[in-house]
Amino acid sequence: MNSPTSAQHGIGVNISALGRAWSRLWGTCVPVAGRLHAQFRRQSVRFDSLPESKRYASTDTEHAEILRRHHVLLEALLDDTPLPGDDVLLAITCSWSATSEPTARDELVARVMPEAVHWRSDDLGIDPGYHAWQHHFVARTTVNDPALDQLLSLVANDGTDGVILTDRTLSWLYHPFDGGARVITSNTGARDSLAADHYTWLPFER
């Protein structure tokens, strides 16, 4: 069931302002985690969602730990933004197709973030004549919105991909995936500080 909170925060996204902010901070890079990491590697850090780099939860306690770590990291990032004290997040979710026409997102994702609006579509195909469009949708949420935990749980259980969370200024990007999260900050100092504060969550093979 969709929560009233998720519907409330799904509206009011200024697409034009979002596009300008993205271009100013992240240039021409598309909002795709792998490409962002490749271009901004020095500003990127990965965290595990469970001890010893375990990928999936097998108990309720482990599932709770995954959500706890996401919240700790997101709240730390929000505390270090140009708008401290603001708990609003932008949630970017995706659909995929072979054409530039945006297609509907997966039913489970759409149910969690029903008010998301289409932001942009990017052709990720690299071979001549081959097209692989990723369509990006944006919704507002908050760190206390039950819908956020639903979305993070979907990601943790490999139920969707391509999710990016950010603050309203786009000063950092948070990409949760099954097994962890990658954070891309606007500078290396912010990355180093976050990594130092949560050193034990860095990949086990460190």
N, C-alpha and C. Protein backbone atom coordinates (compact mmCIF):
# COMPACT_ATOMS: atom_id res chain seq x y z
N MET A 1 0.85 -1.19 0.00
CA MET A 1 0.00 0.00 0.00
C MET A 1 0.87 1.23 0.00
N ASN A 2 0.52 2.24 -0.79
CA ASN A 2 1.27 3.47 -0.84
C ASN A 2 1.00 4.30 0.41
N SER A 3 2.04 4.81 1.02
CA SER A 3 1.86 5.63 2.21
C SER A 3 1.52 7.04 1.81
N PRO A 4 0.73 7.78 2.62
CA PRO A 4 0.46 9.17 2.34
C PRO A 4 1.73 9.99 2.24
N THR A 5 2.74 9.62 3.02
CA THR A 5 3.99 10.37 2.99
C THR A 5 4.64 10.27 1.63
N SER A 6 4.66 9.08 1.04
CA SER A 6 5.31 8.92 -0.24
C SER A 6 4.61 9.73 -1.30
N ALA A 7 3.28 9.78 -1.27
CA ALA A 7 2.55 10.57 -2.26
C ALA A 7 2.82 12.05 -2.06
N GLN A 8 2.89 12.49 -0.80
CA GLN A 8 3.12 13.90 -0.52
C GLN A 8 4.46 14.35 -1.07
N HIS A 9 5.48 13.54 -0.89
CA HIS A 9 6.81 13.95 -1.29
C HIS A 9 7.13 13.59 -2.73
N GLY A 10 6.20 12.98 -3.44
CA GLY A 10 6.45 12.67 -4.83
C GLY A 10 6.19 13.83 -5.76
N ILE A 11 5.62 14.92 -5.25
CA ILE A 11 5.28 16.05 -6.10
C ILE A 11 6.25 17.20 -5.85
N GLY A 12 6.20 18.18 -6.70
CA GLY A 12 6.97 19.39 -6.49
C GLY A 12 8.41 19.32 -6.96
N VAL A 13 8.75 18.42 -7.87
CA VAL A 13 10.11 18.36 -8.40
C VAL A 13 10.21 19.32 -9.58
N ASN A 14 11.16 20.24 -9.49
CA ASN A 14 11.39 21.21 -10.56
C ASN A 14 12.39 20.60 -11.54
N ILE A 15 11.89 20.07 -12.64
CA ILE A 15 12.74 19.35 -13.59
C ILE A 15 13.79 20.26 -14.21
N SER A 16 13.40 21.48 -14.55
CA SER A 16 14.35 22.41 -15.17
C SER A 16 15.50 22.73 -14.22
N ALA A 17 15.16 23.02 -12.96
CA ALA A 17 16.19 23.33 -11.97
C ALA A 17 17.08 22.11 -11.72
N LEU A 18 16.48 20.93 -11.72
CA LEU A 18 17.24 19.71 -11.52
C LEU A 18 18.27 19.54 -12.64
N GLY A 19 17.84 19.76 -13.86
CA GLY A 19 18.75 19.63 -14.99
C GLY A 19 19.90 20.63 -14.93
N ARG A 20 19.60 21.86 -14.54
CA ARG A 20 20.67 22.87 -14.42
C ARG A 20 21.66 22.51 -13.32
N ALA A 21 21.13 22.05 -12.19
CA ALA A 21 22.01 21.67 -11.08
C ALA A 21 22.89 20.49 -11.47
N TRP A 22 22.30 19.52 -12.18
CA TRP A 22 23.08 18.36 -12.60
C TRP A 22 24.23 18.79 -13.52
N SER A 23 23.93 19.62 -14.49
CA SER A 23 24.97 20.07 -15.43
C SER A 23 26.07 20.84 -14.70
N ARG A 24 25.69 21.64 -13.73
CA ARG A 24 26.67 22.45 -13.00
C ARG A 24 27.61 21.58 -12.18
N LEU A 25 27.08 20.55 -11.53
CA LEU A 25 27.89 19.74 -10.62
C LEU A 25 28.50 18.50 -11.26
N TRP A 26 27.77 17.89 -12.18
CA TRP A 26 28.20 16.60 -12.72
C TRP A 26 28.43 16.63 -14.22
N GLY A 27 28.36 17.82 -14.80
CA GLY A 27 28.72 18.00 -16.21
C GLY A 27 27.85 17.22 -17.17
N THR A 28 28.49 16.61 -18.13
CA THR A 28 27.77 15.87 -19.16
C THR A 28 27.60 14.39 -18.83
N CYS A 29 28.10 13.97 -17.67
CA CYS A 29 27.97 12.56 -17.29
C CYS A 29 26.50 12.22 -17.07
N VAL A 30 26.07 11.09 -17.59
CA VAL A 30 24.69 10.66 -17.41
C VAL A 30 24.49 10.16 -15.98
N PRO A 31 23.26 10.22 -15.44
CA PRO A 31 23.01 9.76 -14.07
C PRO A 31 22.93 8.23 -13.96
N VAL A 32 24.03 7.61 -14.29
CA VAL A 32 24.16 6.15 -14.23
C VAL A 32 25.35 5.83 -13.33
N ALA A 33 25.14 5.04 -12.31
CA ALA A 33 26.13 4.85 -11.26
C ALA A 33 27.50 4.42 -11.79
N GLY A 34 27.53 3.45 -12.68
CA GLY A 34 28.81 2.95 -13.18
C GLY A 34 29.59 4.02 -13.92
N ARG A 35 28.92 4.83 -14.70
CA ARG A 35 29.61 5.87 -15.46
C ARG A 35 30.02 7.02 -14.54
N LEU A 36 29.19 7.31 -13.56
CA LEU A 36 29.56 8.33 -12.59
C LEU A 36 30.81 7.92 -11.82
N HIS A 37 30.84 6.66 -11.40
CA HIS A 37 32.01 6.17 -10.66
C HIS A 37 33.27 6.24 -11.52
N ALA A 38 33.14 5.88 -12.79
CA ALA A 38 34.30 5.90 -13.68
C ALA A 38 34.83 7.33 -13.87
N GLN A 39 33.93 8.29 -13.98
CA GLN A 39 34.34 9.67 -14.24
C GLN A 39 34.79 10.39 -12.97
N PHE A 40 34.17 10.03 -11.82
CA PHE A 40 34.47 10.72 -10.57
C PHE A 40 35.06 9.75 -9.53
N ARG A 41 35.95 8.91 -9.99
CA ARG A 41 36.50 7.84 -9.15
C ARG A 41 37.18 8.39 -7.89
N ARG A 42 37.87 9.50 -8.01
CA ARG A 42 38.59 10.05 -6.86
C ARG A 42 37.64 10.60 -5.80
N GLN A 43 36.39 10.81 -6.16
CA GLN A 43 35.40 11.32 -5.22
C GLN A 43 34.42 10.25 -4.76
N SER A 44 34.74 9.00 -5.06
CA SER A 44 33.79 7.91 -4.85
C SER A 44 34.29 6.96 -3.76
N VAL A 45 33.35 6.43 -2.98
CA VAL A 45 33.69 5.43 -1.97
C VAL A 45 32.55 4.43 -1.85
N ARG A 46 32.90 3.19 -1.64
CA ARG A 46 31.91 2.12 -1.52
C ARG A 46 31.82 1.65 -0.07
N PHE A 47 30.61 1.35 0.35
CA PHE A 47 30.38 0.79 1.68
C PHE A 47 29.61 -0.53 1.54
N ASP A 48 29.92 -1.47 2.41
CA ASP A 48 29.17 -2.73 2.46
C ASP A 48 27.91 -2.54 3.30
N SER A 49 26.87 -3.29 2.96
CA SER A 49 25.63 -3.20 3.72
C SER A 49 25.54 -4.24 4.83
N LEU A 50 26.47 -5.21 4.84
CA LEU A 50 26.52 -6.23 5.89
C LEU A 50 27.98 -6.55 6.21
N PRO A 51 28.26 -7.04 7.42
CA PRO A 51 29.64 -7.40 7.78
C PRO A 51 30.23 -8.43 6.83
N GLU A 52 31.56 -8.33 6.67
CA GLU A 52 32.33 -9.27 5.84
C GLU A 52 31.82 -9.32 4.40
N SER A 53 31.30 -8.20 3.94
CA SER A 53 30.86 -8.05 2.54
C SER A 53 29.77 -9.05 2.14
N LYS A 54 29.00 -9.52 3.12
CA LYS A 54 27.89 -10.40 2.80
C LYS A 54 26.90 -9.64 1.92
N ARG A 55 26.42 -10.28 0.88
CA ARG A 55 25.64 -9.55 -0.12
C ARG A 55 24.16 -9.45 0.23
N TYR A 56 23.55 -10.56 0.67
CA TYR A 56 22.11 -10.56 0.92
C TYR A 56 21.81 -10.94 2.37
N ALA A 57 20.76 -10.34 2.90
CA ALA A 57 20.32 -10.66 4.26
C ALA A 57 19.64 -12.02 4.28
N SER A 58 19.91 -12.78 5.34
CA SER A 58 19.24 -14.08 5.50
C SER A 58 18.42 -14.11 6.79
N THR A 59 18.43 -13.03 7.55
CA THR A 59 17.63 -12.94 8.77
C THR A 59 17.02 -11.55 8.86
N ASP A 60 16.02 -11.41 9.71
CA ASP A 60 15.41 -10.09 9.93
C ASP A 60 16.43 -9.12 10.52
N THR A 61 17.31 -9.63 11.36
CA THR A 61 18.34 -8.78 11.97
C THR A 61 19.28 -8.22 10.91
N GLU A 62 19.65 -9.05 9.96
CA GLU A 62 20.53 -8.58 8.88
C GLU A 62 19.80 -7.58 7.99
N HIS A 63 18.54 -7.82 7.73
CA HIS A 63 17.78 -6.88 6.92
C HIS A 63 17.69 -5.52 7.62
N ALA A 64 17.48 -5.55 8.92
CA ALA A 64 17.43 -4.30 9.70
C ALA A 64 18.78 -3.59 9.66
N GLU A 65 19.85 -4.36 9.67
CA GLU A 65 21.19 -3.77 9.62
C GLU A 65 21.44 -3.07 8.28
N ILE A 66 20.96 -3.66 7.21
CA ILE A 66 21.09 -3.02 5.90
C ILE A 66 20.43 -1.65 5.90
N LEU A 67 19.20 -1.59 6.39
CA LEU A 67 18.49 -0.31 6.42
C LEU A 67 19.16 0.66 7.38
N ARG A 68 19.65 0.16 8.50
CA ARG A 68 20.32 1.04 9.47
C ARG A 68 21.54 1.71 8.84
N ARG A 69 22.35 0.94 8.14
CA ARG A 69 23.55 1.51 7.53
C ARG A 69 23.19 2.54 6.46
N HIS A 70 22.18 2.23 5.65
CA HIS A 70 21.74 3.22 4.66
C HIS A 70 21.34 4.53 5.34
N HIS A 71 20.58 4.42 6.40
CA HIS A 71 20.11 5.62 7.09
C HIS A 71 21.25 6.40 7.73
N VAL A 72 22.18 5.70 8.33
CA VAL A 72 23.32 6.38 8.95
C VAL A 72 24.10 7.18 7.90
N LEU A 73 24.37 6.56 6.77
CA LEU A 73 25.12 7.23 5.71
C LEU A 73 24.34 8.40 5.12
N LEU A 74 23.06 8.19 4.84
CA LEU A 74 22.25 9.25 4.26
C LEU A 74 22.12 10.44 5.22
N GLU A 75 21.94 10.16 6.49
CA GLU A 75 21.80 11.25 7.46
C GLU A 75 23.12 12.00 7.63
N ALA A 76 24.24 11.28 7.54
CA ALA A 76 25.54 11.95 7.60
C ALA A 76 25.73 12.86 6.39
N LEU A 77 25.32 12.40 5.24
CA LEU A 77 25.44 13.21 4.02
C LEU A 77 24.53 14.44 4.09
N LEU A 78 23.32 14.25 4.59
CA LEU A 78 22.39 15.37 4.70
C LEU A 78 22.89 16.41 5.70
N ASP A 79 23.59 15.96 6.72
CA ASP A 79 24.13 16.90 7.72
C ASP A 79 25.26 17.75 7.16
N ASP A 80 25.84 17.30 6.05
CA ASP A 80 27.00 17.99 5.48
C ASP A 80 26.68 18.55 4.10
N THR A 81 25.49 19.13 3.97
CA THR A 81 25.06 19.71 2.70
C THR A 81 24.87 21.20 2.86
N PRO A 82 24.67 21.92 1.73
CA PRO A 82 24.38 23.35 1.82
C PRO A 82 23.08 23.66 2.54
N LEU A 83 22.25 22.64 2.79
CA LEU A 83 20.97 22.84 3.47
C LEU A 83 20.91 21.95 4.71
N PRO A 84 21.80 22.17 5.70
CA PRO A 84 21.82 21.30 6.88
C PRO A 84 20.48 21.33 7.61
N GLY A 85 20.07 20.15 8.10
CA GLY A 85 18.79 20.06 8.78
C GLY A 85 17.64 19.73 7.86
N ASP A 86 17.86 19.76 6.56
CA ASP A 86 16.83 19.44 5.58
C ASP A 86 16.85 17.94 5.33
N ASP A 87 15.73 17.26 5.57
CA ASP A 87 15.71 15.80 5.42
C ASP A 87 15.12 15.35 4.08
N VAL A 88 14.93 16.28 3.15
CA VAL A 88 14.34 15.94 1.85
C VAL A 88 15.39 15.29 0.95
N LEU A 89 14.99 14.21 0.33
CA LEU A 89 15.81 13.51 -0.64
C LEU A 89 15.11 13.49 -1.99
N LEU A 90 15.90 13.42 -3.04
CA LEU A 90 15.38 13.13 -4.36
C LEU A 90 15.74 11.69 -4.69
N ALA A 91 14.73 10.91 -5.08
CA ALA A 91 14.94 9.50 -5.42
C ALA A 91 14.80 9.33 -6.92
N ILE A 92 15.87 8.91 -7.57
CA ILE A 92 15.87 8.66 -9.01
C ILE A 92 15.69 7.16 -9.23
N THR A 93 14.64 6.80 -9.94
CA THR A 93 14.39 5.40 -10.29
C THR A 93 14.32 5.31 -11.81
N CYS A 94 14.34 4.10 -12.34
CA CYS A 94 14.55 3.94 -13.78
C CYS A 94 13.63 2.91 -14.43
N SER A 95 13.51 3.08 -15.74
CA SER A 95 12.99 2.02 -16.61
C SER A 95 13.93 1.96 -17.81
N TRP A 96 13.78 0.90 -18.63
CA TRP A 96 14.70 0.69 -19.74
C TRP A 96 13.92 0.27 -20.99
N SER A 97 14.43 0.66 -22.14
CA SER A 97 13.80 0.26 -23.39
C SER A 97 14.79 0.43 -24.54
N ALA A 98 14.37 0.00 -25.72
CA ALA A 98 15.21 0.13 -26.91
C ALA A 98 14.92 1.41 -27.68
N THR A 99 13.98 2.21 -27.20
CA THR A 99 13.62 3.45 -27.88
C THR A 99 13.67 4.62 -26.89
N SER A 100 13.65 5.83 -27.43
CA SER A 100 13.75 7.02 -26.60
C SER A 100 12.46 7.35 -25.87
N GLU A 101 11.38 6.69 -26.22
CA GLU A 101 10.10 6.93 -25.56
C GLU A 101 10.12 6.30 -24.16
N PRO A 102 9.92 7.11 -23.11
CA PRO A 102 9.95 6.55 -21.75
C PRO A 102 8.92 5.45 -21.55
N THR A 103 9.34 4.37 -20.94
CA THR A 103 8.44 3.26 -20.64
C THR A 103 8.15 3.25 -19.13
N ALA A 104 7.09 2.57 -18.77
CA ALA A 104 6.71 2.51 -17.35
C ALA A 104 7.78 1.77 -16.55
N ARG A 105 7.96 2.21 -15.32
CA ARG A 105 8.86 1.50 -14.42
C ARG A 105 8.24 0.19 -13.95
N ASP A 106 9.06 -0.66 -13.40
CA ASP A 106 8.57 -1.90 -12.83
C ASP A 106 7.45 -1.61 -11.84
N GLU A 107 6.47 -2.50 -11.79
CA GLU A 107 5.29 -2.28 -10.95
C GLU A 107 5.64 -2.05 -9.49
N LEU A 108 6.60 -2.80 -8.96
CA LEU A 108 6.95 -2.64 -7.56
C LEU A 108 7.58 -1.29 -7.28
N VAL A 109 8.43 -0.82 -8.20
CA VAL A 109 9.06 0.49 -8.03
C VAL A 109 8.01 1.59 -8.14
N ALA A 110 7.12 1.47 -9.11
CA ALA A 110 6.07 2.46 -9.29
C ALA A 110 5.13 2.51 -8.09
N ARG A 111 4.93 1.39 -7.45
CA ARG A 111 4.06 1.34 -6.29
C ARG A 111 4.69 2.06 -5.09
N VAL A 112 6.01 1.97 -4.97
CA VAL A 112 6.72 2.62 -3.87
C VAL A 112 6.85 4.12 -4.10
N MET A 113 7.16 4.51 -5.34
CA MET A 113 7.33 5.93 -5.68
C MET A 113 6.33 6.29 -6.79
N PRO A 114 5.05 6.35 -6.46
CA PRO A 114 4.02 6.51 -7.49
C PRO A 114 3.98 7.89 -8.13
N GLU A 115 4.47 8.91 -7.46
CA GLU A 115 4.36 10.27 -7.98
C GLU A 115 5.61 10.72 -8.73
N ALA A 116 6.52 9.81 -9.00
CA ALA A 116 7.74 10.18 -9.71
C ALA A 116 7.43 10.72 -11.10
N VAL A 117 8.17 11.74 -11.50
CA VAL A 117 7.99 12.34 -12.83
C VAL A 117 9.20 12.04 -13.69
N HIS A 118 8.97 11.95 -15.00
CA HIS A 118 10.08 11.68 -15.91
C HIS A 118 11.01 12.88 -15.96
N TRP A 119 12.30 12.61 -15.79
CA TRP A 119 13.30 13.68 -15.82
C TRP A 119 14.05 13.72 -17.14
N ARG A 120 14.67 12.60 -17.52
CA ARG A 120 15.48 12.55 -18.73
C ARG A 120 15.64 11.11 -19.18
N SER A 121 16.03 10.93 -20.43
CA SER A 121 16.31 9.61 -20.97
C SER A 121 17.67 9.66 -21.65
N ASP A 122 18.46 8.63 -21.45
CA ASP A 122 19.82 8.59 -22.00
C ASP A 122 20.05 7.28 -22.74
N ASP A 123 20.63 7.39 -23.93
CA ASP A 123 20.96 6.22 -24.72
C ASP A 123 22.35 5.73 -24.29
N LEU A 124 22.39 4.56 -23.68
CA LEU A 124 23.65 4.03 -23.16
C LEU A 124 24.32 3.07 -24.14
N GLY A 125 23.73 2.90 -25.31
CA GLY A 125 24.32 2.03 -26.31
C GLY A 125 25.65 2.58 -26.80
N ILE A 126 26.62 1.71 -26.98
CA ILE A 126 27.94 2.15 -27.44
C ILE A 126 28.30 1.60 -28.81
N ASP A 127 27.58 0.59 -29.28
CA ASP A 127 27.85 0.03 -30.60
C ASP A 127 26.97 0.71 -31.64
N PRO A 128 27.49 0.91 -32.87
CA PRO A 128 26.70 1.55 -33.93
C PRO A 128 25.38 0.80 -34.17
N GLY A 129 24.30 1.54 -34.21
CA GLY A 129 23.00 0.95 -34.49
C GLY A 129 22.35 0.27 -33.31
N TYR A 130 23.02 0.23 -32.16
CA TYR A 130 22.47 -0.43 -30.98
C TYR A 130 22.06 0.63 -29.96
N HIS A 131 20.79 0.55 -29.51
CA HIS A 131 20.28 1.55 -28.57
C HIS A 131 19.84 0.87 -27.27
N ALA A 132 20.22 1.47 -26.17
CA ALA A 132 19.84 0.95 -24.85
C ALA A 132 19.48 2.16 -23.98
N TRP A 133 18.22 2.52 -24.01
CA TRP A 133 17.78 3.73 -23.33
C TRP A 133 17.48 3.46 -21.86
N GLN A 134 17.97 4.34 -21.01
CA GLN A 134 17.63 4.30 -19.59
C GLN A 134 16.84 5.58 -19.29
N HIS A 135 15.63 5.39 -18.76
CA HIS A 135 14.71 6.50 -18.51
C HIS A 135 14.71 6.79 -17.00
N HIS A 136 14.97 8.03 -16.64
CA HIS A 136 15.13 8.41 -15.25
C HIS A 136 13.91 9.18 -14.76
N PHE A 137 13.37 8.73 -13.63
CA PHE A 137 12.21 9.35 -13.01
C PHE A 137 12.62 9.85 -11.63
N VAL A 138 12.06 10.98 -11.21
CA VAL A 138 12.46 11.59 -9.94
C VAL A 138 11.25 11.82 -9.05
N ALA A 139 11.41 11.52 -7.77
CA ALA A 139 10.38 11.78 -6.77
C ALA A 139 11.04 12.35 -5.53
N ARG A 140 10.28 13.13 -4.78
CA ARG A 140 10.75 13.60 -3.48
C ARG A 140 10.39 12.57 -2.42
N THR A 141 11.28 12.43 -1.45
CA THR A 141 11.02 11.59 -0.30
C THR A 141 11.77 12.20 0.88
N THR A 142 11.76 11.54 2.01
CA THR A 142 12.54 12.01 3.17
C THR A 142 13.17 10.80 3.84
N VAL A 143 14.12 11.06 4.72
CA VAL A 143 14.78 9.95 5.41
C VAL A 143 13.82 9.20 6.31
N ASN A 144 12.71 9.82 6.69
CA ASN A 144 11.74 9.16 7.57
C ASN A 144 10.52 8.62 6.83
N ASP A 145 10.54 8.72 5.52
CA ASP A 145 9.42 8.23 4.71
C ASP A 145 9.47 6.70 4.64
N PRO A 146 8.41 6.00 5.04
CA PRO A 146 8.40 4.54 4.90
C PRO A 146 8.67 4.07 3.48
N ALA A 147 8.31 4.90 2.50
CA ALA A 147 8.56 4.52 1.11
C ALA A 147 10.04 4.41 0.81
N LEU A 148 10.86 5.20 1.49
CA LEU A 148 12.30 5.11 1.27
C LEU A 148 12.81 3.73 1.68
N ASP A 149 12.39 3.25 2.83
CA ASP A 149 12.81 1.92 3.27
C ASP A 149 12.30 0.84 2.32
N GLN A 150 11.11 1.03 1.80
CA GLN A 150 10.58 0.07 0.82
C GLN A 150 11.46 0.04 -0.43
N LEU A 151 11.88 1.22 -0.88
CA LEU A 151 12.74 1.28 -2.06
C LEU A 151 14.10 0.66 -1.77
N LEU A 152 14.68 0.98 -0.63
CA LEU A 152 15.98 0.42 -0.26
C LEU A 152 15.91 -1.10 -0.10
N SER A 153 14.79 -1.60 0.40
CA SER A 153 14.61 -3.05 0.53
C SER A 153 14.51 -3.71 -0.84
N LEU A 154 13.82 -3.06 -1.76
CA LEU A 154 13.74 -3.59 -3.13
C LEU A 154 15.14 -3.72 -3.73
N VAL A 155 15.93 -2.68 -3.56
CA VAL A 155 17.30 -2.70 -4.07
C VAL A 155 18.11 -3.81 -3.41
N ALA A 156 18.01 -3.91 -2.08
CA ALA A 156 18.78 -4.91 -1.34
C ALA A 156 18.46 -6.32 -1.76
N ASN A 157 17.21 -6.55 -2.19
CA ASN A 157 16.78 -7.89 -2.61
C ASN A 157 16.88 -8.08 -4.12
N ASP A 158 17.64 -7.19 -4.78
CA ASP A 158 17.86 -7.26 -6.23
C ASP A 158 16.55 -7.12 -6.99
N GLY A 159 15.63 -6.30 -6.43
CA GLY A 159 14.34 -6.09 -7.08
C GLY A 159 14.32 -4.95 -8.06
N THR A 160 15.35 -4.11 -8.05
CA THR A 160 15.48 -3.03 -9.03
C THR A 160 16.92 -2.56 -9.02
N ASP A 161 17.27 -1.76 -10.03
CA ASP A 161 18.63 -1.27 -10.18
C ASP A 161 18.57 0.19 -10.62
N GLY A 162 19.70 0.84 -10.63
CA GLY A 162 19.79 2.19 -11.16
C GLY A 162 19.30 3.28 -10.23
N VAL A 163 19.02 2.95 -8.98
CA VAL A 163 18.51 3.95 -8.04
C VAL A 163 19.64 4.87 -7.59
N ILE A 164 19.36 6.16 -7.59
CA ILE A 164 20.28 7.15 -7.05
C ILE A 164 19.48 8.05 -6.11
N LEU A 165 20.02 8.29 -4.92
CA LEU A 165 19.44 9.23 -3.97
C LEU A 165 20.37 10.41 -3.84
N THR A 166 19.81 11.61 -3.66
CA THR A 166 20.61 12.80 -3.51
C THR A 166 19.84 13.84 -2.72
N ASP A 167 20.52 14.88 -2.30
CA ASP A 167 19.82 15.98 -1.63
C ASP A 167 19.29 16.95 -2.68
N ARG A 168 18.60 17.98 -2.25
CA ARG A 168 17.97 18.89 -3.20
C ARG A 168 18.97 19.73 -3.99
N THR A 169 20.21 19.83 -3.50
CA THR A 169 21.21 20.59 -4.23
C THR A 169 22.07 19.71 -5.13
N LEU A 170 21.89 18.39 -5.06
CA LEU A 170 22.68 17.42 -5.83
C LEU A 170 24.16 17.46 -5.46
N SER A 171 24.47 17.85 -4.22
CA SER A 171 25.86 18.01 -3.83
C SER A 171 26.56 16.67 -3.60
N TRP A 172 25.81 15.58 -3.53
CA TRP A 172 26.36 14.23 -3.45
C TRP A 172 25.36 13.27 -4.07
N LEU A 173 25.85 12.09 -4.43
CA LEU A 173 25.02 11.06 -5.04
C LEU A 173 25.20 9.76 -4.28
N TYR A 174 24.09 9.08 -3.99
CA TYR A 174 24.11 7.85 -3.19
C TYR A 174 23.45 6.76 -4.02
N HIS A 175 24.25 5.76 -4.39
CA HIS A 175 23.75 4.66 -5.22
C HIS A 175 23.71 3.37 -4.41
N PRO A 176 22.51 2.99 -3.90
CA PRO A 176 22.41 1.71 -3.20
C PRO A 176 22.32 0.56 -4.20
N PHE A 177 22.91 -0.55 -3.85
CA PHE A 177 22.81 -1.74 -4.69
C PHE A 177 22.76 -2.96 -3.78
N ASP A 178 22.52 -4.14 -4.35
CA ASP A 178 22.44 -5.34 -3.53
C ASP A 178 23.84 -5.68 -3.05
N GLY A 179 24.08 -5.41 -1.77
CA GLY A 179 25.39 -5.66 -1.19
C GLY A 179 26.06 -4.43 -0.62
N GLY A 180 25.51 -3.25 -0.92
CA GLY A 180 26.16 -2.06 -0.38
C GLY A 180 25.63 -0.78 -0.99
N ALA A 181 26.49 0.22 -0.97
CA ALA A 181 26.14 1.52 -1.54
C ALA A 181 27.43 2.21 -1.96
N ARG A 182 27.34 2.98 -3.03
CA ARG A 182 28.47 3.81 -3.45
C ARG A 182 28.08 5.26 -3.31
N VAL A 183 28.95 6.04 -2.70
CA VAL A 183 28.73 7.46 -2.51
C VAL A 183 29.70 8.23 -3.39
N ILE A 184 29.19 9.21 -4.12
CA ILE A 184 30.02 10.10 -4.92
C ILE A 184 29.81 11.50 -4.38
N THR A 185 30.85 12.09 -3.85
CA THR A 185 30.78 13.41 -3.25
C THR A 185 31.30 14.47 -4.22
N SER A 186 31.05 15.73 -3.88
CA SER A 186 31.49 16.81 -4.76
C SER A 186 32.97 17.12 -4.61
N ASN A 187 33.62 16.54 -3.58
CA ASN A 187 35.06 16.76 -3.40
C ASN A 187 35.65 15.58 -2.62
N THR A 188 36.96 15.42 -2.72
CA THR A 188 37.61 14.27 -2.08
C THR A 188 37.63 14.39 -0.56
N GLY A 189 37.61 15.60 -0.05
CA GLY A 189 37.60 15.77 1.40
C GLY A 189 36.35 15.19 2.03
N ALA A 190 35.20 15.44 1.41
CA ALA A 190 33.95 14.89 1.92
C ALA A 190 33.96 13.37 1.85
N ARG A 191 34.50 12.84 0.77
CA ARG A 191 34.60 11.38 0.65
C ARG A 191 35.48 10.80 1.74
N ASP A 192 36.65 11.40 1.96
CA ASP A 192 37.59 10.89 2.95
C ASP A 192 37.00 10.95 4.36
N SER A 193 36.27 12.01 4.65
CA SER A 193 35.67 12.15 5.98
C SER A 193 34.63 11.08 6.22
N LEU A 194 33.78 10.83 5.22
CA LEU A 194 32.75 9.82 5.36
C LEU A 194 33.37 8.43 5.51
N ALA A 195 34.40 8.16 4.71
CA ALA A 195 35.07 6.86 4.78
C ALA A 195 35.73 6.65 6.14
N ALA A 196 36.34 7.69 6.69
CA ALA A 196 37.00 7.58 7.99
C ALA A 196 36.00 7.35 9.11
N ASP A 197 34.85 8.01 9.02
CA ASP A 197 33.83 7.86 10.07
C ASP A 197 33.20 6.47 10.07
N HIS A 198 33.24 5.79 8.91
CA HIS A 198 32.59 4.47 8.81
C HIS A 198 33.56 3.47 8.19
N TYR A 199 34.77 3.46 8.72
CA TYR A 199 35.85 2.64 8.18
C TYR A 199 35.49 1.16 8.17
N THR A 200 34.81 0.70 9.21
CA THR A 200 34.53 -0.74 9.31
C THR A 200 33.51 -1.20 8.28
N TRP A 201 32.86 -0.27 7.58
CA TRP A 201 31.90 -0.64 6.55
C TRP A 201 32.51 -0.66 5.15
N LEU A 202 33.79 -0.31 5.05
CA LEU A 202 34.43 -0.38 3.76
C LEU A 202 34.57 -1.84 3.34
N PRO A 203 34.72 -2.11 2.05
CA PRO A 203 34.75 -3.50 1.58
C PRO A 203 35.74 -4.35 2.36
N PHE A 204 35.34 -5.60 2.61
CA PHE A 204 36.10 -6.51 3.45
C PHE A 204 37.51 -6.73 2.94
N GLU A 205 37.68 -6.68 1.60
CA GLU A 205 38.99 -6.97 1.01
C GLU A 205 39.95 -5.80 1.12
N ARG A 206 39.56 -4.73 1.87
CA ARG A 206 40.47 -3.60 2.01
C ARG A 206 41.82 -4.03 2.59
